[in-house]
Amino acid sequence: MEARFDNLSAEGCEKNPVQFSPETLKKKGSKKQSPSRNLLDRLQLHRDKVLRFLRETAISFDNNQAERDLRMMRVKEKISGLFCSEEGARAFCRTQTFVSTVWKQGFGILASLRKMLEGTFVFS
């Protein structure tokens, strides 16, 4: 994977060379580059951080856990328009938070929901 990353970076450098117009070279300060070249430079600069998930299994491929937690709310909103009431939205959020926490803690979701409704659920 690291060799592939390096090969793709080299290919990106070939396809997006550093180019400055004569007007840009006359101006003081940092020189503007294309957004793709800026991304490429940043990926190369932080190569070890970008590829850390390959060496350390505790690190996930991305860090979008918060985004994933909010995704169901957005999906619900897009499918049905909006919640009918603020109370319904709050109930959905409470349920979704419970399910997300139970899943992250490694408990069975359905069994945990059943115990919660029975009033016997305990995080332990």
PDB file of N, CA and C in Angstrom:
ATOM      1  N   MET A   1       0.825  -1.196   0.000  1.00  0.00           N
ATOM      2  CA  MET A   1       0.000   0.000   0.000  1.00  0.00           C
ATOM      3  C   MET A   1       0.870   1.261   0.000  1.00  0.00           C
ATOM      4  N   GLU A   2       1.973   1.219   0.764  1.00  0.00           N
ATOM      5  CA  GLU A   2       2.845   2.395   0.816  1.00  0.00           C
ATOM      6  C   GLU A   2       3.501   2.643  -0.542  1.00  0.00           C
ATOM      7  N   ALA A   3       3.919   1.570  -1.204  1.00  0.00           N
ATOM      8  CA  ALA A   3       4.524   1.717  -2.530  1.00  0.00           C
ATOM      9  C   ALA A   3       3.493   2.253  -3.528  1.00  0.00           C
ATOM     10  N   ARG A   4       2.268   1.778  -3.412  1.00  0.00           N
ATOM     11  CA  ARG A   4       1.203   2.270  -4.295  1.00  0.00           C
ATOM     12  C   ARG A   4       0.938   3.752  -4.043  1.00  0.00           C
ATOM     13  N   PHE A   5       0.931   4.150  -2.773  1.00  0.00           N
ATOM     14  CA  PHE A   5       0.756   5.552  -2.413  1.00  0.00           C
ATOM     15  C   PHE A   5       1.862   6.392  -3.049  1.00  0.00           C
ATOM     16  N   ASP A   6       3.113   5.910  -2.946  1.00  0.00           N
ATOM     17  CA  ASP A   6       4.251   6.644  -3.518  1.00  0.00           C
ATOM     18  C   ASP A   6       4.149   6.737  -5.036  1.00  0.00           C
ATOM     19  N   ASN A   7       3.735   5.640  -5.673  1.00  0.00           N
ATOM     20  CA  ASN A   7       3.586   5.648  -7.134  1.00  0.00           C
ATOM     21  C   ASN A   7       2.491   6.621  -7.572  1.00  0.00           C
ATOM     22  N   LEU A   8       1.376   6.607  -6.859  1.00  0.00           N
ATOM     23  CA  LEU A   8       0.289   7.529  -7.198  1.00  0.00           C
ATOM     24  C   LEU A   8       0.692   8.975  -6.943  1.00  0.00           C
ATOM     25  N   SER A   9       1.476   9.210  -5.895  1.00  0.00           N
ATOM     26  CA  SER A   9       1.962  10.569  -5.621  1.00  0.00           C
ATOM     27  C   SER A   9       2.880  11.050  -6.742  1.00  0.00           C
ATOM     28  N   ALA A  10       3.763  10.162  -7.199  1.00  0.00           N
ATOM     29  CA  ALA A  10       4.667  10.526  -8.287  1.00  0.00           C
ATOM     30  C   ALA A  10       3.889  10.809  -9.568  1.00  0.00           C
ATOM     31  N   GLU A  11       2.883   9.992  -9.840  1.00  0.00           N
ATOM     32  CA  GLU A  11       2.038  10.211 -11.018  1.00  0.00           C
ATOM     33  C   GLU A  11       1.288  11.542 -10.904  1.00  0.00           C
ATOM     34  N   GLY A  12       0.828  11.843  -9.691  1.00  0.00           N
ATOM     35  CA  GLY A  12       0.150  13.111  -9.464  1.00  0.00           C
ATOM     36  C   GLY A  12       1.067  14.299  -9.686  1.00  0.00           C
ATOM     37  N   CYS A  13       2.342  14.158  -9.289  1.00  0.00           N
ATOM     38  CA  CYS A  13       3.314  15.243  -9.509  1.00  0.00           C
ATOM     39  C   CYS A  13       3.553  15.477 -10.995  1.00  0.00           C
ATOM     40  N   GLU A  14       3.571  14.385 -11.754  1.00  0.00           N
ATOM     41  CA  GLU A  14       3.760  14.516 -13.201  1.00  0.00           C
ATOM     42  C   GLU A  14       2.575  15.221 -13.853  1.00  0.00           C
ATOM     43  N   LYS A  15       1.380  14.859 -13.417  1.00  0.00           N
ATOM     44  CA  LYS A  15       0.179  15.421 -14.033  1.00  0.00           C
ATOM     45  C   LYS A  15      -0.166  16.819 -13.510  1.00  0.00           C
ATOM     46  N   ASN A  16       0.361  17.179 -12.356  1.00  0.00           N
ATOM     47  CA  ASN A  16       0.091  18.490 -11.755  1.00  0.00           C
ATOM     48  C   ASN A  16       1.398  19.170 -11.367  1.00  0.00           C
ATOM     49  N   PRO A  17       2.203  19.540 -12.349  1.00  0.00           N
ATOM     50  CA  PRO A  17       3.484  20.168 -12.009  1.00  0.00           C
ATOM     51  C   PRO A  17       3.277  21.540 -11.379  1.00  0.00           C
ATOM     52  N   VAL A  18       4.278  21.971 -10.641  1.00  0.00           N
ATOM     53  CA  VAL A  18       4.221  23.305 -10.054  1.00  0.00           C
ATOM     54  C   VAL A  18       4.339  24.297 -11.193  1.00  0.00           C
ATOM     55  N   GLN A  19       3.322  25.149 -11.328  1.00  0.00           N
ATOM     56  CA  GLN A  19       3.313  26.134 -12.409  1.00  0.00           C
ATOM     57  C   GLN A  19       2.937  27.486 -11.836  1.00  0.00           C
ATOM     58  N   PHE A  20       3.758  28.452 -12.138  1.00  0.00           N
ATOM     59  CA  PHE A  20       3.445  29.816 -11.719  1.00  0.00           C
ATOM     60  C   PHE A  20       3.462  30.694 -12.956  1.00  0.00           C
ATOM     61  N   SER A  21       2.470  31.549 -13.075  1.00  0.00           N
ATOM     62  CA  SER A  21       2.424  32.471 -14.202  1.00  0.00           C
ATOM     63  C   SER A  21       3.432  33.590 -13.961  1.00  0.00           C
ATOM     64  N   PRO A  22       3.868  34.259 -15.024  1.00  0.00           N
ATOM     65  CA  PRO A  22       4.822  35.368 -14.861  1.00  0.00           C
ATOM     66  C   PRO A  22       4.305  36.454 -13.924  1.00  0.00           C
ATOM     67  N   GLU A  23       2.976  36.689 -13.934  1.00  0.00           N
ATOM     68  CA  GLU A  23       2.413  37.705 -13.034  1.00  0.00           C
ATOM     69  C   GLU A  23       2.544  37.280 -11.574  1.00  0.00           C
ATOM     70  N   THR A  24       2.351  35.981 -11.325  1.00  0.00           N
ATOM     71  CA  THR A  24       2.452  35.471  -9.962  1.00  0.00           C
ATOM     72  C   THR A  24       3.877  35.577  -9.446  1.00  0.00           C
ATOM     73  N   LEU A  25       4.846  35.326 -10.319  1.00  0.00           N
ATOM     74  CA  LEU A  25       6.251  35.373  -9.900  1.00  0.00           C
ATOM     75  C   LEU A  25       6.692  36.789  -9.524  1.00  0.00           C
ATOM     76  N   LYS A  26       6.043  37.802 -10.099  1.00  0.00           N
ATOM     77  CA  LYS A  26       6.405  39.186  -9.799  1.00  0.00           C
ATOM     78  C   LYS A  26       5.881  39.632  -8.433  1.00  0.00           C
ATOM     79  N   LYS A  27       4.823  38.974  -7.954  1.00  0.00           N
ATOM     80  CA  LYS A  27       4.208  39.371  -6.689  1.00  0.00           C
ATOM     81  C   LYS A  27       4.988  38.818  -5.506  1.00  0.00           C
ATOM     82  N   LYS A  28       4.927  39.549  -4.396  1.00  0.00           N
ATOM     83  CA  LYS A  28       5.569  39.092  -3.165  1.00  0.00           C
ATOM     84  C   LYS A  28       4.649  38.120  -2.445  1.00  0.00           C
ATOM     85  N   GLY A  29       5.222  37.359  -1.531  1.00  0.00           N
ATOM     86  CA  GLY A  29       4.428  36.445  -0.718  1.00  0.00           C
ATOM     87  C   GLY A  29       4.395  35.047  -1.309  1.00  0.00           C
ATOM     88  N   SER A  30       3.565  34.199  -0.714  1.00  0.00           N
ATOM     89  CA  SER A  30       3.496  32.811  -1.170  1.00  0.00           C
ATOM     90  C   SER A  30       2.795  32.741  -2.525  1.00  0.00           C
ATOM     91  N   LYS A  31       3.197  31.780  -3.302  1.00  0.00           N
ATOM     92  CA  LYS A  31       2.676  31.615  -4.659  1.00  0.00           C
ATOM     93  C   LYS A  31       1.477  30.665  -4.638  1.00  0.00           C
ATOM     94  N   LYS A  32       0.436  30.996  -5.406  1.00  0.00           N
ATOM     95  CA  LYS A  32      -0.754  30.165  -5.479  1.00  0.00           C
ATOM     96  C   LYS A  32      -0.504  28.973  -6.392  1.00  0.00           C
ATOM     97  N   GLN A  33      -1.059  27.832  -5.961  1.00  0.00           N
ATOM     98  CA  GLN A  33      -1.017  26.625  -6.775  1.00  0.00           C
ATOM     99  C   GLN A  33      -2.451  26.152  -6.979  1.00  0.00           C
ATOM    100  N   SER A  34      -2.605  25.151  -7.823  1.00  0.00           N
ATOM    101  CA  SER A  34      -3.938  24.598  -8.035  1.00  0.00           C
ATOM    102  C   SER A  34      -4.356  23.825  -6.784  1.00  0.00           C
ATOM    103  N   PRO A  35      -5.666  23.701  -6.553  1.00  0.00           N
ATOM    104  CA  PRO A  35      -6.129  22.927  -5.403  1.00  0.00           C
ATOM    105  C   PRO A  35      -5.629  21.484  -5.415  1.00  0.00           C
ATOM    106  N   SER A  36      -5.551  20.875  -6.598  1.00  0.00           N
ATOM    107  CA  SER A  36      -5.068  19.491  -6.672  1.00  0.00           C
ATOM    108  C   SER A  36      -3.590  19.402  -6.291  1.00  0.00           C
ATOM    109  N   ARG A  37      -2.805  20.376  -6.689  1.00  0.00           N
ATOM    110  CA  ARG A  37      -1.392  20.375  -6.319  1.00  0.00           C
ATOM    111  C   ARG A  37      -1.229  20.622  -4.815  1.00  0.00           C
ATOM    112  N   ASN A  38      -2.060  21.495  -4.255  1.00  0.00           N
ATOM    113  CA  ASN A  38      -2.012  21.734  -2.814  1.00  0.00           C
ATOM    114  C   ASN A  38      -2.325  20.456  -2.039  1.00  0.00           C
ATOM    115  N   LEU A  39      -3.338  19.715  -2.483  1.00  0.00           N
ATOM    116  CA  LEU A  39      -3.693  18.456  -1.833  1.00  0.00           C
ATOM    117  C   LEU A  39      -2.542  17.459  -1.944  1.00  0.00           C
ATOM    118  N   LEU A  40      -1.967  17.345  -3.112  1.00  0.00           N
ATOM    119  CA  LEU A  40      -0.852  16.432  -3.335  1.00  0.00           C
ATOM    120  C   LEU A  40       0.322  16.768  -2.421  1.00  0.00           C
ATOM    121  N   ASP A  41       0.678  18.046  -2.347  1.00  0.00           N
ATOM    122  CA  ASP A  41       1.780  18.464  -1.468  1.00  0.00           C
ATOM    123  C   ASP A  41       1.484  18.128  -0.014  1.00  0.00           C
ATOM    124  N   ARG A  42       0.246  18.350   0.382  1.00  0.00           N
ATOM    125  CA  ARG A  42      -0.134  18.084   1.780  1.00  0.00           C
ATOM    126  C   ARG A  42      -0.093  16.588   2.081  1.00  0.00           C
ATOM    127  N   LEU A  43      -0.565  15.761   1.156  1.00  0.00           N
ATOM    128  CA  LEU A  43      -0.512  14.310   1.351  1.00  0.00           C
ATOM    129  C   LEU A  43       0.931  13.819   1.445  1.00  0.00           C
ATOM    130  N   GLN A  44       1.803  14.374   0.631  1.00  0.00           N
ATOM    131  CA  GLN A  44       3.207  13.972   0.684  1.00  0.00           C
ATOM    132  C   GLN A  44       3.874  14.447   1.975  1.00  0.00           C
ATOM    133  N   LEU A  45       3.548  15.648   2.405  1.00  0.00           N
ATOM    134  CA  LEU A  45       4.124  16.199   3.629  1.00  0.00           C
ATOM    135  C   LEU A  45       3.721  15.368   4.849  1.00  0.00           C
ATOM    136  N   HIS A  46       2.478  14.894   4.867  1.00  0.00           N
ATOM    137  CA  HIS A  46       1.956  14.143   6.011  1.00  0.00           C
ATOM    138  C   HIS A  46       1.798  12.659   5.694  1.00  0.00           C
ATOM    139  N   ARG A  47       2.666  12.119   4.867  1.00  0.00           N
ATOM    140  CA  ARG A  47       2.588  10.735   4.410  1.00  0.00           C
ATOM    141  C   ARG A  47       2.476   9.755   5.570  1.00  0.00           C
ATOM    142  N   ASP A  48       3.334   9.896   6.581  1.00  0.00           N
ATOM    143  CA  ASP A  48       3.323   8.958   7.702  1.00  0.00           C
ATOM    144  C   ASP A  48       2.004   8.995   8.461  1.00  0.00           C
ATOM    145  N   LYS A  49       1.447  10.180   8.620  1.00  0.00           N
ATOM    146  CA  LYS A  49       0.172  10.299   9.322  1.00  0.00           C
ATOM    147  C   LYS A  49      -0.972   9.732   8.488  1.00  0.00           C
ATOM    148  N   VAL A  50      -0.923   9.957   7.184  1.00  0.00           N
ATOM    149  CA  VAL A  50      -1.983   9.473   6.291  1.00  0.00           C
ATOM    150  C   VAL A  50      -2.002   7.944   6.262  1.00  0.00           C
ATOM    151  N   LEU A  51      -0.833   7.320   6.314  1.00  0.00           N
ATOM    152  CA  LEU A  51      -0.733   5.863   6.202  1.00  0.00           C
ATOM    153  C   LEU A  51      -0.586   5.157   7.549  1.00  0.00           C
ATOM    154  N   ARG A  52      -0.733   5.867   8.633  1.00  0.00           N
ATOM    155  CA  ARG A  52      -0.541   5.268   9.960  1.00  0.00           C
ATOM    156  C   ARG A  52      -1.492   4.104  10.213  1.00  0.00           C
ATOM    157  N   PHE A  53      -2.695   4.151   9.654  1.00  0.00           N
ATOM    158  CA  PHE A  53      -3.661   3.068   9.872  1.00  0.00           C
ATOM    159  C   PHE A  53      -3.152   1.731   9.345  1.00  0.00           C
ATOM    160  N   LEU A  54      -2.173   1.737   8.428  1.00  0.00           N
ATOM    161  CA  LEU A  54      -1.609   0.486   7.909  1.00  0.00           C
ATOM    162  C   LEU A  54      -0.750  -0.223   8.952  1.00  0.00           C
ATOM    163  N   ARG A  55      -0.051   0.544   9.781  1.00  0.00           N
ATOM    164  CA  ARG A  55       0.867  -0.019  10.765  1.00  0.00           C
ATOM    165  C   ARG A  55       0.233  -0.218  12.138  1.00  0.00           C
ATOM    166  N   GLU A  56      -0.713   0.611  12.492  1.00  0.00           N
ATOM    167  CA  GLU A  56      -1.330   0.555  13.814  1.00  0.00           C
ATOM    168  C   GLU A  56      -2.799   0.190  13.663  1.00  0.00           C
ATOM    169  N   THR A  57      -3.136  -1.023  14.072  1.00  0.00           N
ATOM    170  CA  THR A  57      -4.493  -1.522  13.860  1.00  0.00           C
ATOM    171  C   THR A  57      -5.527  -0.808  14.724  1.00  0.00           C
ATOM    172  N   ALA A  58      -5.114  -0.142  15.789  1.00  0.00           N
ATOM    173  CA  ALA A  58      -6.066   0.573  16.650  1.00  0.00           C
ATOM    174  C   ALA A  58      -6.581   1.839  15.977  1.00  0.00           C
ATOM    175  N   ILE A  59      -5.917   2.276  14.919  1.00  0.00           N
ATOM    176  CA  ILE A  59      -6.312   3.501  14.224  1.00  0.00           C
ATOM    177  C   ILE A  59      -7.197   3.126  13.046  1.00  0.00           C
ATOM    178  N   SER A  60      -8.360   3.752  12.980  1.00  0.00           N
ATOM    179  CA  SER A  60      -9.272   3.446  11.876  1.00  0.00           C
ATOM    180  C   SER A  60      -8.826   4.169  10.613  1.00  0.00           C
ATOM    181  N   PHE A  61      -9.334   3.718   9.489  1.00  0.00           N
ATOM    182  CA  PHE A  61      -8.983   4.292   8.192  1.00  0.00           C
ATOM    183  C   PHE A  61      -9.373   5.760   8.121  1.00  0.00           C
ATOM    184  N   ASP A  62     -10.464   6.118   8.755  1.00  0.00           N
ATOM    185  CA  ASP A  62     -10.895   7.512   8.775  1.00  0.00           C
ATOM    186  C   ASP A  62     -11.231   7.917  10.207  1.00  0.00           C
ATOM    187  N   ASN A  63     -11.523   9.163  10.399  1.00  0.00           N
ATOM    188  CA  ASN A  63     -11.873   9.632  11.744  1.00  0.00           C
ATOM    189  C   ASN A  63     -13.259  10.272  11.728  1.00  0.00           C
ATOM    190  N   ASN A  64     -14.159   9.659  11.023  1.00  0.00           N
ATOM    191  CA  ASN A  64     -15.484  10.239  10.834  1.00  0.00           C
ATOM    192  C   ASN A  64     -16.543   9.626  11.745  1.00  0.00           C
ATOM    193  N   GLN A  65     -16.162   9.200  12.952  1.00  0.00           N
ATOM    194  CA  GLN A  65     -17.131   8.576  13.839  1.00  0.00           C
ATOM    195  C   GLN A  65     -18.283   9.516  14.166  1.00  0.00           C
ATOM    196  N   ALA A  66     -17.976  10.764  14.435  1.00  0.00           N
ATOM    197  CA  ALA A  66     -19.040  11.722  14.746  1.00  0.00           C
ATOM    198  C   ALA A  66     -19.971  11.893  13.547  1.00  0.00           C
ATOM    199  N   GLU A  67     -19.397  11.909  12.360  1.00  0.00           N
ATOM    200  CA  GLU A  67     -20.217  12.045  11.157  1.00  0.00           C
ATOM    201  C   GLU A  67     -21.111  10.825  10.971  1.00  0.00           C
ATOM    202  N   ARG A  68     -20.568   9.648  11.244  1.00  0.00           N
ATOM    203  CA  ARG A  68     -21.381   8.431  11.132  1.00  0.00           C
ATOM    204  C   ARG A  68     -22.507   8.434  12.168  1.00  0.00           C
ATOM    205  N   ASP A  69     -22.212   8.961  13.364  1.00  0.00           N
ATOM    206  CA  ASP A  69     -23.236   9.019  14.402  1.00  0.00           C
ATOM    207  C   ASP A  69     -24.396   9.923  13.992  1.00  0.00           C
ATOM    208  N   LEU A  70     -24.110  10.966  13.254  1.00  0.00           N
ATOM    209  CA  LEU A  70     -25.159  11.896  12.824  1.00  0.00           C
ATOM    210  C   LEU A  70     -25.848  11.459  11.535  1.00  0.00           C
ATOM    211  N   ARG A  71     -25.282  10.499  10.844  1.00  0.00           N
ATOM    212  CA  ARG A  71     -25.793  10.108   9.533  1.00  0.00           C
ATOM    213  C   ARG A  71     -27.246   9.634   9.584  1.00  0.00           C
ATOM    214  N   MET A  72     -27.599   8.809  10.573  1.00  0.00           N
ATOM    215  CA  MET A  72     -28.963   8.290  10.640  1.00  0.00           C
ATOM    216  C   MET A  72     -29.976   9.423  10.795  1.00  0.00           C
ATOM    217  N   MET A  73     -29.619  10.448  11.541  1.00  0.00           N
ATOM    218  CA  MET A  73     -30.506  11.599  11.701  1.00  0.00           C
ATOM    219  C   MET A  73     -30.736  12.253  10.338  1.00  0.00           C
ATOM    220  N   ARG A  74     -29.674  12.406   9.585  1.00  0.00           N
ATOM    221  CA  ARG A  74     -29.781  13.050   8.269  1.00  0.00           C
ATOM    222  C   ARG A  74     -30.582  12.178   7.294  1.00  0.00           C
ATOM    223  N   VAL A  75     -30.351  10.864   7.335  1.00  0.00           N
ATOM    224  CA  VAL A  75     -31.092   9.949   6.471  1.00  0.00           C
ATOM    225  C   VAL A  75     -32.578  10.010   6.804  1.00  0.00           C
ATOM    226  N   LYS A  76     -32.885   9.974   8.079  1.00  0.00           N
ATOM    227  CA  LYS A  76     -34.293  10.065   8.514  1.00  0.00           C
ATOM    228  C   LYS A  76     -34.919  11.368   8.033  1.00  0.00           C
ATOM    229  N   GLU A  77     -34.170  12.450   8.153  1.00  0.00           N
ATOM    230  CA  GLU A  77     -34.657  13.759   7.734  1.00  0.00           C
ATOM    231  C   GLU A  77     -34.910  13.800   6.226  1.00  0.00           C
ATOM    232  N   LYS A  78     -34.008  13.192   5.446  1.00  0.00           N
ATOM    233  CA  LYS A  78     -34.147  13.223   3.989  1.00  0.00           C
ATOM    234  C   LYS A  78     -35.300  12.338   3.509  1.00  0.00           C
ATOM    235  N   ILE A  79     -35.501  11.204   4.165  1.00  0.00           N
ATOM    236  CA  ILE A  79     -36.532  10.272   3.727  1.00  0.00           C
ATOM    237  C   ILE A  79     -37.925  10.811   4.030  1.00  0.00           C
ATOM    238  N   SER A  80     -38.120  11.276   5.253  1.00  0.00           N
ATOM    239  CA  SER A  80     -39.467  11.680   5.642  1.00  0.00           C
ATOM    240  C   SER A  80     -39.648  13.193   5.691  1.00  0.00           C
ATOM    241  N   GLY A  81     -38.722  13.917   5.164  1.00  0.00           N
ATOM    242  CA  GLY A  81     -38.823  15.375   5.209  1.00  0.00           C
ATOM    243  C   GLY A  81     -38.279  15.902   6.510  1.00  0.00           C
ATOM    244  N   LEU A  82     -39.125  16.122   7.456  1.00  0.00           N
ATOM    245  CA  LEU A  82     -38.716  16.551   8.788  1.00  0.00           C
ATOM    246  C   LEU A  82     -39.473  15.727   9.813  1.00  0.00           C
ATOM    247  N   PHE A  83     -39.062  15.828  11.055  1.00  0.00           N
ATOM    248  CA  PHE A  83     -39.817  15.167  12.112  1.00  0.00           C
ATOM    249  C   PHE A  83     -41.136  15.908  12.305  1.00  0.00           C
ATOM    250  N   CYS A  84     -42.168  15.169  12.653  1.00  0.00           N
ATOM    251  CA  CYS A  84     -43.492  15.783  12.834  1.00  0.00           C
ATOM    252  C   CYS A  84     -43.532  16.693  14.046  1.00  0.00           C
ATOM    253  N   SER A  85     -42.742  16.351  15.065  1.00  0.00           N
ATOM    254  CA  SER A  85     -42.740  17.177  16.271  1.00  0.00           C
ATOM    255  C   SER A  85     -41.341  17.189  16.873  1.00  0.00           C
ATOM    256  N   GLU A  86     -41.118  18.155  17.718  1.00  0.00           N
ATOM    257  CA  GLU A  86     -39.831  18.231  18.423  1.00  0.00           C
ATOM    258  C   GLU A  86     -39.685  17.038  19.363  1.00  0.00           C
ATOM    259  N   GLU A  87     -40.790  16.615  19.950  1.00  0.00           N
ATOM    260  CA  GLU A  87     -40.765  15.449  20.842  1.00  0.00           C
ATOM    261  C   GLU A  87     -40.333  14.191  20.082  1.00  0.00           C
ATOM    262  N   GLY A  88     -40.840  14.025  18.853  1.00  0.00           N
ATOM    263  CA  GLY A  88     -40.443  12.883  18.030  1.00  0.00           C
ATOM    264  C   GLY A  88     -38.965  12.921  17.685  1.00  0.00           C
ATOM    265  N   ALA A  89     -38.449  14.099  17.388  1.00  0.00           N
ATOM    266  CA  ALA A  89     -37.025  14.245  17.081  1.00  0.00           C
ATOM    267  C   ALA A  89     -36.180  13.889  18.296  1.00  0.00           C
ATOM    268  N   ARG A  90     -36.611  14.337  19.469  1.00  0.00           N
ATOM    269  CA  ARG A  90     -35.865  14.022  20.700  1.00  0.00           C
ATOM    270  C   ARG A  90     -35.886  12.529  20.996  1.00  0.00           C
ATOM    271  N   ALA A  91     -37.036  11.898  20.804  1.00  0.00           N
ATOM    272  CA  ALA A  91     -37.134  10.450  21.029  1.00  0.00           C
ATOM    273  C   ALA A  91     -36.217   9.699  20.069  1.00  0.00           C
ATOM    274  N   PHE A  92     -36.204  10.120  18.805  1.00  0.00           N
ATOM    275  CA  PHE A  92     -35.325   9.490  17.823  1.00  0.00           C
ATOM    276  C   PHE A  92     -33.865   9.648  18.239  1.00  0.00           C
ATOM    277  N   CYS A  93     -33.487  10.850  18.683  1.00  0.00           N
ATOM    278  CA  CYS A  93     -32.102  11.109  19.098  1.00  0.00           C
ATOM    279  C   CYS A  93     -31.721  10.259  20.309  1.00  0.00           C
ATOM    280  N   ARG A  94     -32.615  10.144  21.290  1.00  0.00           N
ATOM    281  CA  ARG A  94     -32.328   9.331  22.478  1.00  0.00           C
ATOM    282  C   ARG A  94     -32.130   7.866  22.081  1.00  0.00           C
ATOM    283  N   THR A  95     -33.022   7.367  21.233  1.00  0.00           N
ATOM    284  CA  THR A  95     -32.928   5.971  20.798  1.00  0.00           C
ATOM    285  C   THR A  95     -31.649   5.746  19.998  1.00  0.00           C
ATOM    286  N   GLN A  96     -31.357   6.650  19.078  1.00  0.00           N
ATOM    287  CA  GLN A  96     -30.168   6.507  18.237  1.00  0.00           C
ATOM    288  C   GLN A  96     -28.897   6.581  19.075  1.00  0.00           C
ATOM    289  N   THR A  97     -28.872   7.448  20.072  1.00  0.00           N
ATOM    290  CA  THR A  97     -27.711   7.560  20.960  1.00  0.00           C
ATOM    291  C   THR A  97     -27.515   6.271  21.736  1.00  0.00           C
ATOM    292  N   PHE A  98     -28.592   5.711  22.236  1.00  0.00           N
ATOM    293  CA  PHE A  98     -28.519   4.454  22.980  1.00  0.00           C
ATOM    294  C   PHE A  98     -27.980   3.337  22.093  1.00  0.00           C
ATOM    295  N   VAL A  99     -28.542   3.208  20.901  1.00  0.00           N
ATOM    296  CA  VAL A  99     -28.123   2.146  19.971  1.00  0.00           C
ATOM    297  C   VAL A  99     -26.651   2.311  19.601  1.00  0.00           C
ATOM    298  N   SER A 100     -26.221   3.519  19.330  1.00  0.00           N
ATOM    299  CA  SER A 100     -24.837   3.781  18.965  1.00  0.00           C
ATOM    300  C   SER A 100     -23.885   3.430  20.109  1.00  0.00           C
ATOM    301  N   THR A 101     -24.248   3.825  21.325  1.00  0.00           N
ATOM    302  CA  THR A 101     -23.399   3.542  22.481  1.00  0.00           C
ATOM    303  C   THR A 101     -23.322   2.049  22.754  1.00  0.00           C
ATOM    304  N   VAL A 102     -24.455   1.368  22.691  1.00  0.00           N
ATOM    305  CA  VAL A 102     -24.478  -0.077  22.912  1.00  0.00           C
ATOM    306  C   VAL A 102     -23.607  -0.781  21.885  1.00  0.00           C
ATOM    307  N   TRP A 103     -23.711  -0.377  20.639  1.00  0.00           N
ATOM    308  CA  TRP A 103     -22.922  -0.992  19.570  1.00  0.00           C
ATOM    309  C   TRP A 103     -21.431  -0.765  19.795  1.00  0.00           C
ATOM    310  N   LYS A 104     -21.048   0.461  20.166  1.00  0.00           N
ATOM    311  CA  LYS A 104     -19.634   0.775  20.403  1.00  0.00           C
ATOM    312  C   LYS A 104     -19.073   0.004  21.595  1.00  0.00           C
ATOM    313  N   GLN A 105     -19.921  -0.296  22.572  1.00  0.00           N
ATOM    314  CA  GLN A 105     -19.484  -1.037  23.749  1.00  0.00           C
ATOM    315  C   GLN A 105     -19.455  -2.545  23.497  1.00  0.00           C
ATOM    316  N   GLY A 106     -19.940  -2.985  22.345  1.00  0.00           N
ATOM    317  CA  GLY A 106     -19.870  -4.397  21.982  1.00  0.00           C
ATOM    318  C   GLY A 106     -21.042  -5.231  22.471  1.00  0.00           C
ATOM    319  N   PHE A 107     -22.118  -4.597  22.913  1.00  0.00           N
ATOM    320  CA  PHE A 107     -23.302  -5.328  23.344  1.00  0.00           C
ATOM    321  C   PHE A 107     -24.185  -5.619  22.130  1.00  0.00           C
ATOM    322  N   GLY A 108     -25.035  -6.627  22.258  1.00  0.00           N
ATOM    323  CA  GLY A 108     -26.016  -6.908  21.219  1.00  0.00           C
ATOM    324  C   GLY A 108     -27.091  -5.829  21.235  1.00  0.00           C
ATOM    325  N   ILE A 109     -27.408  -5.284  20.080  1.00  0.00           N
ATOM    326  CA  ILE A 109     -28.335  -4.155  20.020  1.00  0.00           C
ATOM    327  C   ILE A 109     -29.755  -4.578  20.385  1.00  0.00           C
ATOM    328  N   LEU A 110     -30.262  -5.640  19.769  1.00  0.00           N
ATOM    329  CA  LEU A 110     -31.646  -6.045  20.038  1.00  0.00           C
ATOM    330  C   LEU A 110     -31.839  -6.492  21.479  1.00  0.00           C
ATOM    331  N   ALA A 111     -30.896  -7.283  21.993  1.00  0.00           N
ATOM    332  CA  ALA A 111     -30.997  -7.735  23.383  1.00  0.00           C
ATOM    333  C   ALA A 111     -30.927  -6.548  24.341  1.00  0.00           C
ATOM    334  N   SER A 112     -30.082  -5.584  24.037  1.00  0.00           N
ATOM    335  CA  SER A 112     -29.957  -4.392  24.884  1.00  0.00           C
ATOM    336  C   SER A 112     -31.229  -3.554  24.846  1.00  0.00           C
ATOM    337  N   LEU A 113     -31.829  -3.397  23.660  1.00  0.00           N
ATOM    338  CA  LEU A 113     -33.089  -2.664  23.556  1.00  0.00           C
ATOM    339  C   LEU A 113     -34.193  -3.368  24.354  1.00  0.00           C
ATOM    340  N   ARG A 114     -34.231  -4.694  24.272  1.00  0.00           N
ATOM    341  CA  ARG A 114     -35.233  -5.452  25.012  1.00  0.00           C
ATOM    342  C   ARG A 114     -35.049  -5.234  26.519  1.00  0.00           C
ATOM    343  N   LYS A 115     -33.801  -5.345  26.988  1.00  0.00           N
ATOM    344  CA  LYS A 115     -33.523  -5.139  28.414  1.00  0.00           C
ATOM    345  C   LYS A 115     -33.836  -3.713  28.834  1.00  0.00           C
ATOM    346  N   MET A 116     -33.546  -2.752  27.970  1.00  0.00           N
ATOM    347  CA  MET A 116     -33.826  -1.358  28.292  1.00  0.00           C
ATOM    348  C   MET A 116     -35.322  -1.130  28.441  1.00  0.00           C
ATOM    349  N   LEU A 117     -36.107  -1.711  27.536  1.00  0.00           N
ATOM    350  CA  LEU A 117     -37.568  -1.568  27.628  1.00  0.00           C
ATOM    351  C   LEU A 117     -38.131  -2.284  28.845  1.00  0.00           C
ATOM    352  N   GLU A 118     -37.483  -3.382  29.278  1.00  0.00           N
ATOM    353  CA  GLU A 118     -37.907  -4.097  30.468  1.00  0.00           C
ATOM    354  C   GLU A 118     -37.428  -3.399  31.744  1.00  0.00           C
ATOM    355  N   GLY A 119     -36.478  -2.471  31.578  1.00  0.00           N
ATOM    356  CA  GLY A 119     -35.939  -1.756  32.737  1.00  0.00           C
ATOM    357  C   GLY A 119     -34.833  -2.505  33.446  1.00  0.00           C
ATOM    358  N   THR A 120     -34.213  -3.476  32.743  1.00  0.00           N
ATOM    359  CA  THR A 120     -33.166  -4.288  33.390  1.00  0.00           C
ATOM    360  C   THR A 120     -31.793  -4.070  32.771  1.00  0.00           C
ATOM    361  N   PHE A 121     -31.675  -3.150  31.840  1.00  0.00           N
ATOM    362  CA  PHE A 121     -30.379  -2.940  31.177  1.00  0.00           C
ATOM    363  C   PHE A 121     -29.422  -2.207  32.095  1.00  0.00           C
ATOM    364  N   VAL A 122     -28.174  -2.699  32.146  1.00  0.00           N
ATOM    365  CA  VAL A 122     -27.120  -2.055  32.927  1.00  0.00           C
ATOM    366  C   VAL A 122     -25.836  -2.105  32.101  1.00  0.00           C
ATOM    367  N   PHE A 123     -25.151  -0.979  31.969  1.00  0.00           N
ATOM    368  CA  PHE A 123     -23.833  -0.969  31.324  1.00  0.00           C
ATOM    369  C   PHE A 123     -22.838  -1.568  32.308  1.00  0.00           C
ATOM    370  N   SER A 124     -22.249  -2.691  31.945  1.00  0.00           N
ATOM    371  CA  SER A 124     -21.235  -3.276  32.831  1.00  0.00           C
ATOM    372  C   SER A 124     -20.231  -4.062  32.034  1.00  0.00           C
TER     373      SER A 124
END
